[in-house]
Structure formats: C-alpha cells, structure tokens
Protein backbone atom coordinates (compact mmCIF):
# COMPACT_ATOMS: atom_id res chain seq x y z
CA MET A 1 -0.17 0.17 -0.04
CA PRO A 2 1.68 3.54 -1.06
CA ALA A 3 2.85 5.65 2.04
CA THR A 4 0.67 8.39 1.08
CA SER A 5 -3.27 8.13 0.23
CA PRO A 6 -4.17 9.49 -3.11
CA ARG A 7 -6.69 12.08 -1.12
CA THR A 8 -3.58 13.44 0.86
CA THR A 9 -1.13 16.00 -0.30
CA PRO A 10 2.36 15.59 0.42
CA PRO A 11 3.68 17.84 2.90
CA GLY A 12 6.50 18.85 0.60
CA ARG A 13 4.42 19.49 -2.08
CA ASN A 14 2.01 21.76 -0.03
CA ARG A 15 4.73 24.03 1.25
CA ARG A 16 5.88 24.20 -2.53
CA TRP A 17 2.10 25.38 -3.25
CA ARG A 18 2.09 27.79 -0.59
CA ARG A 19 5.41 29.34 -1.51
CA ARG A 20 4.51 29.99 -5.00
CA LEU A 21 1.07 31.34 -3.88
CA GLU A 22 3.34 33.65 -1.59
CA VAL A 23 5.62 34.95 -4.23
CA GLY A 24 2.88 35.48 -6.72
CA LEU A 25 0.44 37.38 -4.36
CA THR A 26 3.56 39.44 -3.45
CA VAL A 27 4.72 40.03 -6.92
CA ALA A 28 1.09 41.16 -7.89
CA ALA A 29 0.89 43.27 -4.36
CA ILE A 30 4.00 45.31 -5.60
CA GLY A 31 2.69 45.60 -9.27
CA VAL A 32 -0.83 46.79 -7.76
CA VAL A 33 0.78 49.45 -5.50
CA VAL A 34 2.97 50.83 -7.95
CA TRP A 35 0.17 50.97 -10.71
CA PHE A 36 -1.91 52.85 -7.61
CA PHE A 37 1.07 55.34 -7.54
CA HIS A 38 0.90 56.24 -11.20
CA TRP A 39 -2.74 56.51 -11.03
CA THR A 40 -2.79 58.84 -7.82
CA VAL A 41 -0.24 61.05 -9.76
CA ARG A 42 -1.95 61.00 -13.35
CA THR A 43 -5.31 61.94 -11.62
CA SER A 44 -3.70 64.75 -9.65
CA GLY A 45 -2.68 66.58 -12.69
CA GLY A 46 0.81 65.03 -12.86
CA PHE A 47 2.81 63.60 -15.62
CA GLN A 48 2.69 67.05 -17.43
CA PRO A 49 5.56 69.38 -18.74
CA PRO A 50 7.00 71.83 -16.34
CA GLY A 51 4.85 75.04 -15.56
CA GLU A 52 4.81 78.08 -13.23
CA GLU A 53 4.20 75.55 -10.41
CA ASP A 54 7.71 73.89 -11.12
CA TYR A 55 10.14 75.72 -8.83
CA TYR A 56 12.66 72.86 -8.96
CA ASN A 57 13.06 73.20 -12.73
CA PHE A 58 13.49 77.16 -12.10
CA LEU A 59 15.95 76.22 -9.72
CA VAL A 60 17.64 74.00 -12.23
CA ARG A 61 17.35 76.58 -14.90
CA GLY A 62 19.19 79.32 -12.59
CA TRP A 63 22.02 76.42 -11.99
CA ARG A 64 22.54 76.12 -15.75
CA GLN A 65 22.70 79.85 -16.04
CA GLY A 66 25.80 80.00 -13.30
CA HIS A 67 23.88 81.11 -10.17
CA LEU A 68 21.97 79.86 -7.17
CA TYR A 69 18.82 81.84 -7.24
CA LEU A 70 15.69 80.71 -9.18
CA SER A 71 15.66 81.84 -12.94
CA LYS A 72 12.31 83.34 -12.04
CA ALA A 73 12.86 87.12 -11.36
CA PRO A 74 10.55 88.84 -8.86
CA SER A 75 8.14 91.25 -9.82
CA PRO A 76 8.67 95.36 -9.91
CA GLU A 77 5.68 95.60 -7.52
CA LEU A 78 7.32 93.12 -4.81
CA LEU A 79 10.75 94.90 -5.22
CA ALA A 80 9.05 98.03 -4.54
CA LEU A 81 7.24 97.15 -1.15
CA ALA A 82 8.52 98.76 1.72
CA ASP A 83 8.59 95.51 3.58
CA PRO A 84 8.34 92.49 1.04
CA TYR A 85 8.37 90.00 4.19
CA ASP A 86 4.95 91.16 5.23
CA PRO A 87 2.13 88.58 4.20
CA VAL A 88 -0.23 91.58 3.97
CA GLN A 89 1.88 93.43 1.67
CA ASN A 90 3.15 90.77 -0.49
CA SER A 91 0.19 88.45 -0.63
CA ALA A 92 -0.78 89.69 -4.33
CA VAL A 93 2.46 89.77 -5.92
CA ARG A 94 4.55 86.96 -4.00
CA MET A 95 5.82 83.66 -5.38
CA GLY A 96 4.36 81.35 -2.68
CA ASP A 97 6.82 79.88 -0.35
CA ALA A 98 9.73 81.05 -2.25
CA SER A 99 12.69 82.48 0.08
CA TYR A 100 13.40 86.27 -1.23
CA PHE A 101 16.80 87.70 -0.57
CA LYS A 102 18.96 90.66 -1.82
CA GLY A 103 16.34 90.85 -4.91
CA HIS A 104 16.02 87.23 -5.98
CA TYR A 105 14.11 84.26 -5.52
CA TYR A 106 15.92 81.49 -3.95
CA LEU A 107 14.31 77.90 -2.91
CA TYR A 108 13.76 77.11 1.02
CA PHE A 109 13.12 73.48 0.14
CA SER A 110 16.00 71.00 -0.44
CA GLY A 111 17.96 70.97 -3.62
CA ALA A 112 19.17 67.27 -3.28
CA PRO A 113 16.45 66.09 -5.64
CA ALA A 114 17.45 68.26 -8.33
CA VAL A 115 21.15 67.46 -7.99
CA VAL A 116 20.61 63.59 -8.03
CA LEU A 117 17.41 63.59 -10.51
CA LEU A 118 16.24 66.45 -12.17
CA TRP A 119 19.84 68.24 -13.13
CA PRO A 120 21.30 64.69 -14.40
CA TYR A 121 18.11 64.01 -16.45
CA GLY A 122 18.15 67.54 -18.33
CA ALA A 123 21.91 66.81 -18.98
CA ILE A 124 21.42 63.34 -20.63
CA THR A 125 18.15 63.95 -22.54
CA GLY A 126 18.16 67.79 -23.00
CA ARG A 127 14.74 67.91 -21.57
CA GLU A 128 13.19 68.93 -18.49
CA LEU A 129 11.57 66.35 -15.98
CA GLY A 130 8.79 67.52 -14.17
CA THR A 131 8.17 67.72 -10.67
CA THR A 132 5.53 65.63 -10.71
CA THR A 133 7.45 62.69 -12.36
CA ALA A 134 10.25 63.20 -9.98
CA ILE A 135 7.70 62.90 -7.04
CA PHE A 136 6.40 59.74 -8.71
CA ILE A 137 10.03 58.16 -9.39
CA PHE A 138 11.17 58.62 -5.60
CA CYS A 139 7.99 57.64 -3.86
CA VAL A 140 8.48 54.03 -6.07
CA MET A 141 12.09 53.68 -5.14
CA GLY A 142 11.42 54.32 -1.29
CA PHE A 143 8.48 51.99 -1.49
CA LEU A 144 10.58 49.15 -3.36
CA ALA A 145 13.50 49.76 -0.87
CA ALA A 146 10.67 49.40 2.13
CA THR A 147 9.42 46.54 0.59
CA GLY A 148 12.73 45.00 0.01
CA LEU A 149 13.82 45.30 3.41
CA TRP A 150 10.66 44.09 5.00
CA LEU A 151 10.87 40.63 2.78
CA ALA A 152 14.44 40.31 3.61
CA LEU A 153 13.85 40.52 7.43
CA ARG A 154 10.85 38.40 7.15
CA ARG A 155 12.58 35.60 5.41
CA ARG A 156 15.60 35.59 7.37
CA TYR A 157 13.77 35.93 11.14
CA PHE A 158 10.52 34.69 10.50
CA PRO A 159 10.56 31.65 7.94
CA GLY A 160 7.45 30.08 9.90
CA SER A 161 5.14 33.03 9.67
CA ALA A 162 1.89 32.90 7.62
CA TRP A 163 2.34 33.29 3.79
CA TRP A 164 -0.14 36.02 3.49
CA THR A 165 1.77 38.19 5.77
CA ALA A 166 4.13 39.02 2.88
CA PRO A 167 2.04 40.69 0.45
CA LEU A 168 -0.41 42.10 3.17
CA VAL A 169 2.24 44.19 4.71
CA VAL A 170 3.52 44.99 1.00
CA VAL A 171 0.41 46.65 0.64
CA LEU A 172 0.33 48.41 4.02
CA LEU A 173 3.74 50.14 3.19
CA GLY A 174 2.39 51.25 0.11
CA VAL A 175 -1.10 52.60 1.09
CA SER A 176 -1.48 52.77 4.77
CA THR A 177 2.10 55.25 5.48
CA HIS A 178 0.99 58.86 4.06
CA VAL A 179 3.38 58.22 1.20
CA LEU A 180 0.25 58.77 -1.21
CA VAL A 181 -0.49 62.10 0.36
CA LEU A 182 2.69 63.08 -1.75
CA MET A 183 1.30 61.90 -4.84
CA ARG A 184 -2.06 63.37 -4.32
CA ARG A 185 -0.65 66.87 -4.66
CA PRO A 186 2.63 66.58 -6.37
CA LEU A 187 4.02 69.68 -6.13
CA VAL A 188 7.23 71.56 -4.64
CA TRP A 189 6.16 70.92 -1.10
CA GLU A 190 6.09 66.94 -1.87
CA LEU A 191 9.26 66.39 -3.81
CA PRO A 192 11.96 66.86 -1.02
CA LEU A 193 9.78 64.64 1.03
CA SER A 194 9.77 61.97 -1.63
CA SER A 195 13.53 62.02 -2.17
CA GLY A 196 13.82 61.74 1.93
CA PHE A 197 11.57 58.82 1.89
CA ALA A 198 13.36 57.32 -0.90
CA PHE A 199 17.30 57.68 0.59
CA SER A 200 16.02 56.92 4.08
CA MET A 201 14.40 53.61 3.14
CA LEU A 202 17.62 52.95 0.99
CA ALA A 203 19.89 53.63 4.07
CA LEU A 204 18.20 51.23 6.02
CA GLY A 205 18.07 48.56 3.40
CA ALA A 206 21.94 49.22 3.05
CA VAL A 207 22.52 48.86 6.72
CA TYR A 208 20.79 45.51 6.68
CA GLN A 209 23.41 44.56 4.47
CA ALA A 210 25.81 45.56 6.47
CA LEU A 211 24.67 43.78 9.36
CA HIS A 212 24.00 40.28 7.18
CA GLY A 213 26.07 40.64 4.10
CA ARG A 214 29.49 39.74 3.54
CA ARG A 215 31.03 43.04 2.35
CA PRO A 216 29.75 45.44 5.36
CA VAL A 217 32.14 48.01 4.61
CA ALA A 218 30.68 48.37 0.92
CA ALA A 219 27.09 48.39 2.67
CA MET A 220 28.20 51.00 5.24
CA THR A 221 29.55 53.26 2.40
CA LEU A 222 26.21 52.70 0.54
CA ALA A 223 24.45 53.46 3.88
CA GLY A 224 26.28 56.55 4.50
CA ILE A 225 25.89 58.07 1.32
CA CYS A 226 22.00 57.48 1.25
CA TYR A 227 21.49 58.55 4.73
CA GLY A 228 23.51 61.68 3.89
CA LEU A 229 21.28 62.36 0.68
CA ALA A 230 18.33 61.77 2.92
CA VAL A 231 19.59 64.37 5.25
CA ALA A 232 20.28 66.73 2.19
CA SER A 233 16.60 65.98 1.39
CA ARG A 234 15.08 66.54 4.62
CA PRO A 235 17.04 68.20 7.22
CA THR A 236 14.61 67.00 9.79
CA CYS A 237 16.49 63.72 9.37
CA VAL A 238 19.77 65.01 10.63
CA PHE A 239 19.25 63.64 14.09
CA GLY A 240 18.20 60.28 12.71
CA ALA A 241 21.85 59.44 12.02
CA VAL A 242 21.86 58.06 15.25
CA LEU A 243 20.44 55.00 13.59
CA PHE A 244 23.90 53.97 13.10
CA VAL A 245 24.83 53.68 16.61
CA PRO A 246 23.03 50.08 17.28
CA VAL A 247 24.35 48.64 13.78
CA LEU A 248 28.00 49.81 14.50
CA TRP A 249 27.71 48.36 18.32
CA GLN A 250 26.77 44.90 16.56
CA LEU A 251 29.27 45.43 14.09
CA ARG A 252 31.75 45.58 16.36
CA ARG A 253 30.52 42.10 18.45
CA THR A 254 30.72 40.57 15.31
CA LEU A 255 33.93 42.03 13.54
CA GLY A 256 35.87 43.21 16.66
CA GLY A 257 37.34 46.38 17.06
CA GLY A 258 39.83 45.91 14.21
CA ALA A 259 40.48 47.87 11.06
CA ARG A 260 37.49 46.53 8.95
CA TRP A 261 35.25 47.59 11.79
CA TRP A 262 36.86 51.11 12.12
CA ARG A 263 36.53 51.28 8.16
CA CYS A 264 32.63 50.76 8.49
CA ALA A 265 32.50 53.62 10.81
CA SER A 266 34.43 55.81 8.87
CA VAL A 267 32.99 55.70 5.61
CA ALA A 268 29.53 55.74 7.16
CA ALA A 269 30.58 58.92 9.07
CA ALA A 270 32.28 60.38 5.68
CA GLY A 271 29.01 59.53 3.74
CA VAL A 272 26.66 61.57 5.88
CA GLY A 273 29.40 64.16 6.58
CA VAL A 274 29.92 65.27 2.94
CA CYS A 275 26.30 65.59 2.32
CA VAL A 276 25.77 67.50 5.60
CA VAL A 277 29.01 69.87 4.63
CA ALA A 278 27.63 70.53 1.42
CA LEU A 279 24.19 71.36 2.57
CA LEU A 280 25.68 73.68 4.92
CA GLY A 281 27.94 75.33 2.31
CA HIS A 282 25.02 75.88 0.06
CA ASN A 283 23.34 77.71 2.75
CA TYR A 284 26.42 79.61 3.26
CA ALA A 285 26.91 80.34 -0.41
CA ARG A 286 23.20 81.61 -0.87
CA PHE A 287 22.41 83.59 2.94
CA GLY A 288 26.05 84.08 4.21
CA ASN A 289 24.81 81.65 6.88
CA ALA A 290 25.36 77.67 6.90
CA LEU A 291 22.51 77.57 9.23
CA GLU A 292 20.09 79.43 7.33
CA PHE A 293 17.75 77.39 4.92
CA GLY A 294 15.88 80.17 3.83
CA ILE A 295 12.85 79.78 6.04
CA THR A 296 13.64 83.50 7.46
CA TYR A 297 13.28 85.25 3.95
CA GLN A 298 10.40 82.96 3.14
CA LEU A 299 7.16 84.45 1.70
CA SER A 300 4.27 82.90 2.90
CA SER A 301 0.77 83.22 4.68
CA ALA A 302 2.84 83.92 7.80
CA TYR A 303 5.45 86.54 8.50
CA GLU A 304 8.13 83.77 8.97
CA ALA A 305 11.07 85.82 10.35
CA LYS A 306 9.00 86.76 13.44
CA GLU A 307 7.64 83.06 14.17
CA GLN A 308 8.99 80.70 16.69
CA HIS A 309 9.31 77.51 14.44
CA PHE A 310 10.69 75.25 17.27
CA SER A 311 9.40 74.84 20.78
CA LEU A 312 8.85 71.84 23.39
CA ARG A 313 5.39 73.59 24.06
CA TYR A 314 4.28 72.33 20.64
CA ALA A 315 5.07 68.72 21.22
CA ALA A 316 1.84 67.69 23.24
CA HIS A 317 -0.59 69.13 20.88
CA ASN A 318 1.29 67.74 17.55
CA ALA A 319 1.25 64.49 19.39
CA TYR A 320 -2.49 64.53 19.74
CA ILE A 321 -2.68 65.64 16.22
CA TYR A 322 -0.62 63.17 14.41
CA PHE A 323 -1.77 60.21 16.68
CA LEU A 324 -5.14 60.52 18.46
CA HIS A 325 -7.11 63.23 16.40
CA PRO A 326 -9.98 61.16 14.85
CA GLY A 327 -11.65 61.38 11.50
CA THR A 328 -15.08 61.39 11.10
CA TRP A 329 -16.51 58.06 9.59
CA SER A 330 -19.59 57.72 7.61
CA ALA A 331 -21.15 54.93 5.20
CA ALA A 332 -20.76 57.67 2.20
CA PHE A 333 -17.43 57.54 -0.12
CA PRO A 334 -14.83 57.93 0.86
CA PHE A 335 -16.49 56.92 4.46
CA VAL A 336 -14.00 59.14 6.19
CA ALA A 337 -13.58 63.15 6.88
CA ALA A 338 -10.42 64.35 8.20
CA SER A 339 -10.61 67.89 10.19
CA SER A 340 -8.04 70.37 11.38
CA VAL A 341 -7.25 71.22 14.97
CA ILE A 342 -8.00 75.00 15.25
CA GLY A 343 -5.65 76.73 17.81
CA GLY A 344 -2.72 75.33 20.00
CA PRO A 345 0.12 76.71 22.16
CA PRO A 346 0.83 80.35 22.05
CA GLY A 347 3.09 80.72 18.59
CA TYR A 348 1.49 77.50 17.18
CA LEU A 349 0.03 78.33 13.36
CA GLY A 350 -3.23 76.53 14.47
CA ALA A 351 -5.08 78.49 11.71
CA TRP A 352 -3.09 76.77 8.92
CA VAL A 353 -2.95 73.13 9.93
CA GLU A 354 -4.27 70.88 7.62
CA ARG A 355 -6.73 68.27 7.87
CA ILE A 356 -5.35 65.26 9.49
CA CYS A 357 -6.60 61.72 10.83
CA GLY A 358 -4.68 60.81 13.55
CA LEU A 359 -2.47 57.29 12.99
CA ALA A 360 -3.49 55.55 16.36
CA VAL A 361 -6.89 56.03 15.84
CA THR A 362 -6.95 55.35 12.29
CA PHE A 363 -4.53 52.55 11.41
CA PRO A 364 -5.15 49.88 13.82
CA PHE A 365 -2.32 47.77 12.68
CA LEU A 366 0.38 50.28 13.88
CA TRP A 367 -0.59 49.13 17.53
CA GLY A 368 1.40 46.13 17.19
CA VAL A 369 4.63 48.08 17.60
CA VAL A 370 3.99 47.70 21.28
CA VAL A 371 4.96 44.25 21.53
CA LEU A 372 8.07 44.84 19.60
CA PRO A 373 10.49 43.13 21.54
CA LEU A 374 8.99 39.93 20.88
CA ALA A 375 10.41 39.86 17.69
CA TRP A 376 13.69 38.79 19.30
CA ARG A 377 12.58 37.37 22.43
CA GLY A 378 13.58 33.81 22.91
CA ARG A 379 16.67 33.71 20.19
CA ALA A 380 20.09 32.82 20.08
CA GLN A 381 22.25 35.87 20.84
CA ASP A 382 23.86 35.61 17.05
CA GLU A 383 20.49 35.75 15.79
CA ALA A 384 18.72 38.27 18.12
CA GLY A 385 22.01 40.66 18.14
CA PRO A 386 21.74 41.70 14.37
CA LEU A 387 17.85 41.53 14.74
CA ARG A 388 17.47 43.94 17.77
CA ALA A 389 20.32 46.29 16.34
CA MET A 390 18.12 46.41 12.97
CA LEU A 391 14.64 47.01 14.77
CA VAL A 392 16.68 49.52 17.21
CA ALA A 393 17.90 51.29 14.03
CA ILE A 394 14.67 51.77 12.56
CA GLY A 395 13.26 53.04 15.88
CA LEU A 396 15.68 55.33 16.39
CA PHE A 397 15.16 56.89 12.93
CA PHE A 398 11.17 57.00 13.82
CA LEU A 399 11.69 58.58 17.11
CA THR A 400 14.21 61.35 16.19
CA VAL A 401 12.13 62.55 12.82
CA LEU A 402 9.36 62.16 14.87
CA ALA A 403 10.51 64.68 17.73
CA PHE A 404 11.55 67.15 15.18
CA TYR A 405 7.79 67.27 14.20
CA LEU A 406 6.49 67.34 17.45
CA MET A 407 8.36 70.40 18.13
CA PHE A 408 7.42 72.42 14.90
CA TYR A 409 4.74 75.03 14.58
CA CYS A 410 2.42 73.29 12.36
CA ALA A 411 0.98 69.96 11.71
CA THR A 412 0.51 68.46 8.16
CA PRO A 413 -0.23 64.91 6.65
CA ARG A 414 2.79 65.21 4.24
CA TYR A 415 5.02 65.43 7.13
CA MET A 416 3.65 62.29 8.48
CA ALA A 417 5.17 60.42 5.37
CA ASP A 418 8.60 61.29 6.82
CA PHE A 419 8.00 58.90 9.91
CA THR A 420 5.03 56.76 9.06
CA PRO A 421 6.80 54.10 6.89
CA ALA A 422 9.42 53.23 9.57
CA LEU A 423 6.57 53.02 12.42
CA MET A 424 4.99 50.72 9.55
CA LEU A 425 7.94 48.56 9.36
CA LEU A 426 8.34 48.25 13.27
CA ALA A 427 4.81 47.04 13.61
CA ALA A 428 4.52 44.63 10.91
CA LEU A 429 7.79 42.99 12.36
CA ALA A 430 6.41 42.94 15.83
CA ALA A 431 3.32 41.42 14.64
CA LEU A 432 5.44 38.58 13.24
CA GLY A 433 7.19 38.50 16.64
CA LEU A 434 3.38 37.92 18.15
CA GLU A 435 2.73 35.15 15.70
CA ARG A 436 5.95 33.37 16.37
CA TRP A 437 5.37 33.90 20.30
CA ALA A 438 1.62 32.79 19.93
CA GLN A 439 3.03 29.62 17.89
CA GLU A 440 4.71 28.40 20.80
CA ARG A 441 1.79 28.48 23.17
CA GLY A 442 -0.72 27.04 20.37
CA TRP A 443 -2.68 30.45 20.10
CA ASN A 444 -1.61 30.90 16.43
CA ALA A 445 -5.09 30.70 14.77
CA TRP A 446 -6.38 33.54 17.35
CA ILE A 447 -3.32 35.76 16.82
CA ALA A 448 -3.04 35.25 13.21
CA SER A 449 -6.94 36.33 12.80
CA LEU A 450 -6.22 39.41 14.80
CA ILE A 451 -3.22 40.55 12.58
CA ALA A 452 -5.19 39.85 9.38
CA VAL A 453 -8.04 41.96 10.60
CA ALA A 454 -6.13 44.73 11.90
CA GLY A 455 -3.96 44.66 8.63
CA LEU A 456 -7.16 44.78 6.49
CA ALA A 457 -8.78 47.37 8.45
CA THR A 458 -5.75 49.39 8.08
CA VAL A 459 -5.46 48.98 4.32
CA ALA A 460 -9.28 50.30 3.76
CA ALA A 461 -8.42 53.02 6.17
CA GLY A 462 -5.25 54.06 3.98
CA LEU A 463 -7.48 53.75 0.89
CA ALA A 464 -10.38 55.75 2.34
CA VAL A 465 -7.50 58.70 3.83
CA ASN A 466 -6.23 58.71 0.58
CA PHE A 467 -9.21 59.86 -1.29
CA ASP A 468 -9.95 62.30 1.51
CA TYR A 469 -6.40 64.03 1.47
CA HIS A 470 -6.30 67.79 0.30
CA ASN A 471 -10.06 68.55 1.11
CA ARG A 472 -10.84 65.82 -1.61
CA SER A 473 -8.89 67.30 -4.32
CA LEU A 474 -9.73 64.33 -6.47
CA SER A 475 -13.25 65.49 -6.66
CA LYS A 476 -12.05 68.73 -7.91
CA LEU A 477 -9.78 67.85 -10.25
CA GLN A 478 -11.28 64.64 -11.71
CA PRO A 479 -15.08 65.09 -11.13
CA GLU A 480 -16.18 62.04 -13.28
CA ILE A 481 -13.92 59.84 -11.71
CA TRP A 482 -15.47 60.77 -8.33
CA ALA A 483 -18.77 60.29 -9.34
CA ARG A 484 -18.08 56.68 -10.70
CA LEU A 485 -16.31 56.21 -7.43
CA GLU A 486 -19.19 57.50 -5.32
CA ARG A 487 -21.74 55.32 -7.54
CA LEU A 488 -19.48 52.13 -7.18
CA PHE A 489 -19.34 52.65 -3.17
CA SER A 490 -23.02 53.79 -2.93
CA ASN A 491 -25.58 52.28 -0.58
CA GLU A 492 -28.39 53.75 -2.63
CA PRO A 493 -29.70 51.71 -5.50
CA VAL A 494 -28.71 52.54 -8.83
CA GLN A 495 -31.50 54.15 -10.89
CA THR A 496 -32.20 52.92 -14.16
CA LYS A 497 -33.74 54.66 -17.29
CA HIS A 498 -36.71 52.97 -19.25
C-alpha cells in the first residue's frame, strides 16, 4: 500500500504550493501598489511638462545660468514694497513659499532632488523632468526599498510566519503610510519629502546588508551616502543619524574592534558628513549663514522671520494631532473625513493646520509596535543581536524624526510621510514576533486572525484617507472619476432609465 493516500497532499508539495502562492501574491501586490501610485499622480494633474508651479525646474535653470537663485525674477511690485516679507503687503505679488533675498528668489526646500535627478536627467536628455514625475520616481524607489527590507527581514528571521503576511504588509507599506499624500498633490512641497523617503529607506536597506552581508564596509559606504542624501533632502532627518549607533555596536561584536570595523564607521560617517557639509556650504553661499535654509526669508501666509518655528510647548499638541485626532467616519464614500485642530499653544500656526486623521485611531495595525520586543525574544544571541540592532536602528530613525515634527509650529499629513513608513515596518515585524510567540503556545489561529483583521482594516483606512487628502482634491480635479467612485460605493440603488 502506498505511504501516501491518493487524497492526501504530501507536506513538501503543500509547502511548495504555499511558497508559489506567497511569491505570486507578493509580486502582484507590488505591481498593484506601483500602479496605484501612477494612477494617483496621473489623476492629480501629474506627468505634465513643467509649468509655473514647477519651482524645481526654475532652480535647475538658475544653476545652468551659473547662479544659485531661481531663474524666475521677482515682480517689480514686490521689489517696490516697503517690507516685502509682510504677508499683508506681498500677498498679491509674491511667489508663494519661495525665499526672497537681496532681489532674488531662492528655494527654501532642499535642492538635493534636483542634484540627484532633475539636473542629471536634463543634462542627459536635453529635456526637463517635471516635479510630478520626479515625485513618482522617488516614491516608487522608497516603496521598493522598504518592501525589500521587509521581505528580507521576514525571510531571514520569521520563516514560519503565515504566507499571507508578505503581500499584506507590502500593501500596507504602499497605501497606509501617508506616502500617497505626496502623490495626491505632487508639487514643490512634496518633492523633497519623496526624495527623503527614498533615500532613508535605501539607507536602512544598506544597513541591513551591513549587518547580514559579506561586505559590510561597502554596505556601510552605501548607507552613509544614502542617509546623507536623506538629510540633504530633509534636514529633519539629521538627528536620525543615530540609527548607525546600534548597527556599529553590533558590527563591533561580530567584526571585533579592528581595522575592518573602523572602516565601517569611517565610511558611514564620511557619507553623511560630505552631504551635510555640502548642504551647509550651499546655505552659506546663498545667505551668508550655514544654518540659514531660507525659512527666515520665505514668503508665506505668515511673517516667517517673526515666527517661533520650534518649541517644546508644541509637542503635546502635535502628538495629539498626529496620533489621536480622529477622523469622522460615515457610510458615504470616501467613508472618512479628516479635520483640522484649530488653535494651539502660543506661537503655533493653528489657523493653518491641515486636515489630519491621527495614526493611532485610524490605522489599528500600527498598535502592534507595542509588542516589538517579541521579535527578538527567545532567540540565540547570534540571531537576536543583528535583528535587535536593525529594529533599534529603524526605531531611532522613527523617534528622532518624529521628535523634530512634534516641536514644529504646524502639522500637515505630508510630514507624516517622513516617519510613518518606519513605524509601519516596526509594527509589521512586531506582528511577526507576536505570531511567533503565539505559535509556541498554540494560539496561532487567534493571533493570526487578529493580525489579518487589523491589517485589512488598516489597508481600507489608508485607501479611504487617500481619497480624502487635501480636502478631497480628486473630486475637484477629476469630477467624473469621483462620481464613478461614489456610484460604485453608494448604498443607494442605481437608478436605471426605461
């Protein structure tokens, strides 16, 4: 009699089938997310030739002309003002959010995206790359880097996790991290954020290779350069460089304190340092002050030189907005409506805070981060050490960037794209740690169900919030698409004509 009944699937074949299903769904999830990114940019007026809103191409044109200011000249009316920085006086004649200094416009936002993408693209092709297209490219880069890191950590440390966790978290990284807000309004404000997202995720991926690969010096070189470009894109990331501390601590344990470890530390510091020095030198060349990024001279709805941009007294208020301020849920598409929190501590720009749904009350999957230590608990030291170093590095990046925003004088959903991807990675790995812990106690079915429900609810919330971004801008830019979506998700019966 055969060892295996004809009706019984051999264990090996069952594992192969699950592996193929996992790989297929993960690849499909990546493709769907990239397609949705493209659709989001396209339906937000993107993929168009550069126009008057494309400040970054004004910057590149200025560089080609041999100077650091924008190629667009201030109007004679602005030049004639008694106080050109007074928002009451300049409201009708300013170039919004540009920095005005000694008769020229400068870009307060980082020039790094232009250095690494827009300028080289123009030099190679002879054409200008629109800001909207650049945002799409950087967002895809960041998403793929975060996805690669997630899949590598899961495969190495959680090989026994449920097959569906791989594609689920891929979708979560794409639609539930507020990265979509950068593509829902792909303009000058969003480009440096998308660049910072891309390079910070690439840096974390390189750190993983340093901890687990055979060429840690090369990996740390790449990590330093990428993180330096993240800082150059978003100076908010500067304190996040402490993420290298647990990595170097772990490398010291595995490599010893010899020349190889010193090379790892040196190349990482050099990569970050060169980018920071270049950033400060650029500031000095423009404004005569290495620490002046242009915010003092920025023309906005506030008198920026008189504002207190950072203060500890803003922290509690911003923490509430970013994590606990609820959206209003309903049965009508898009099912959620964000709102702003008017007012705040003295000096806070409460009147200009954008509509936000707090993370903790909108994305339930993120709550998993509270059990993060379960990810390395009960492992052998040679396994627990690198995993703990990696997770602490991601956590330090998240906490330091978040701390910067908690002390800032306003809150917007686009700022959340700087720190939410790292938080999602931590929550996903914590969920796998919880699943592993539950497997040891025979509670796997219950915990797996909880993870699945929280994950699917967070995917649904991420999609709903996406359609609500920027006061439901899709309804204004694409009214026909919006009407079709309303009909598709409407609870009312579809009226037919006879």
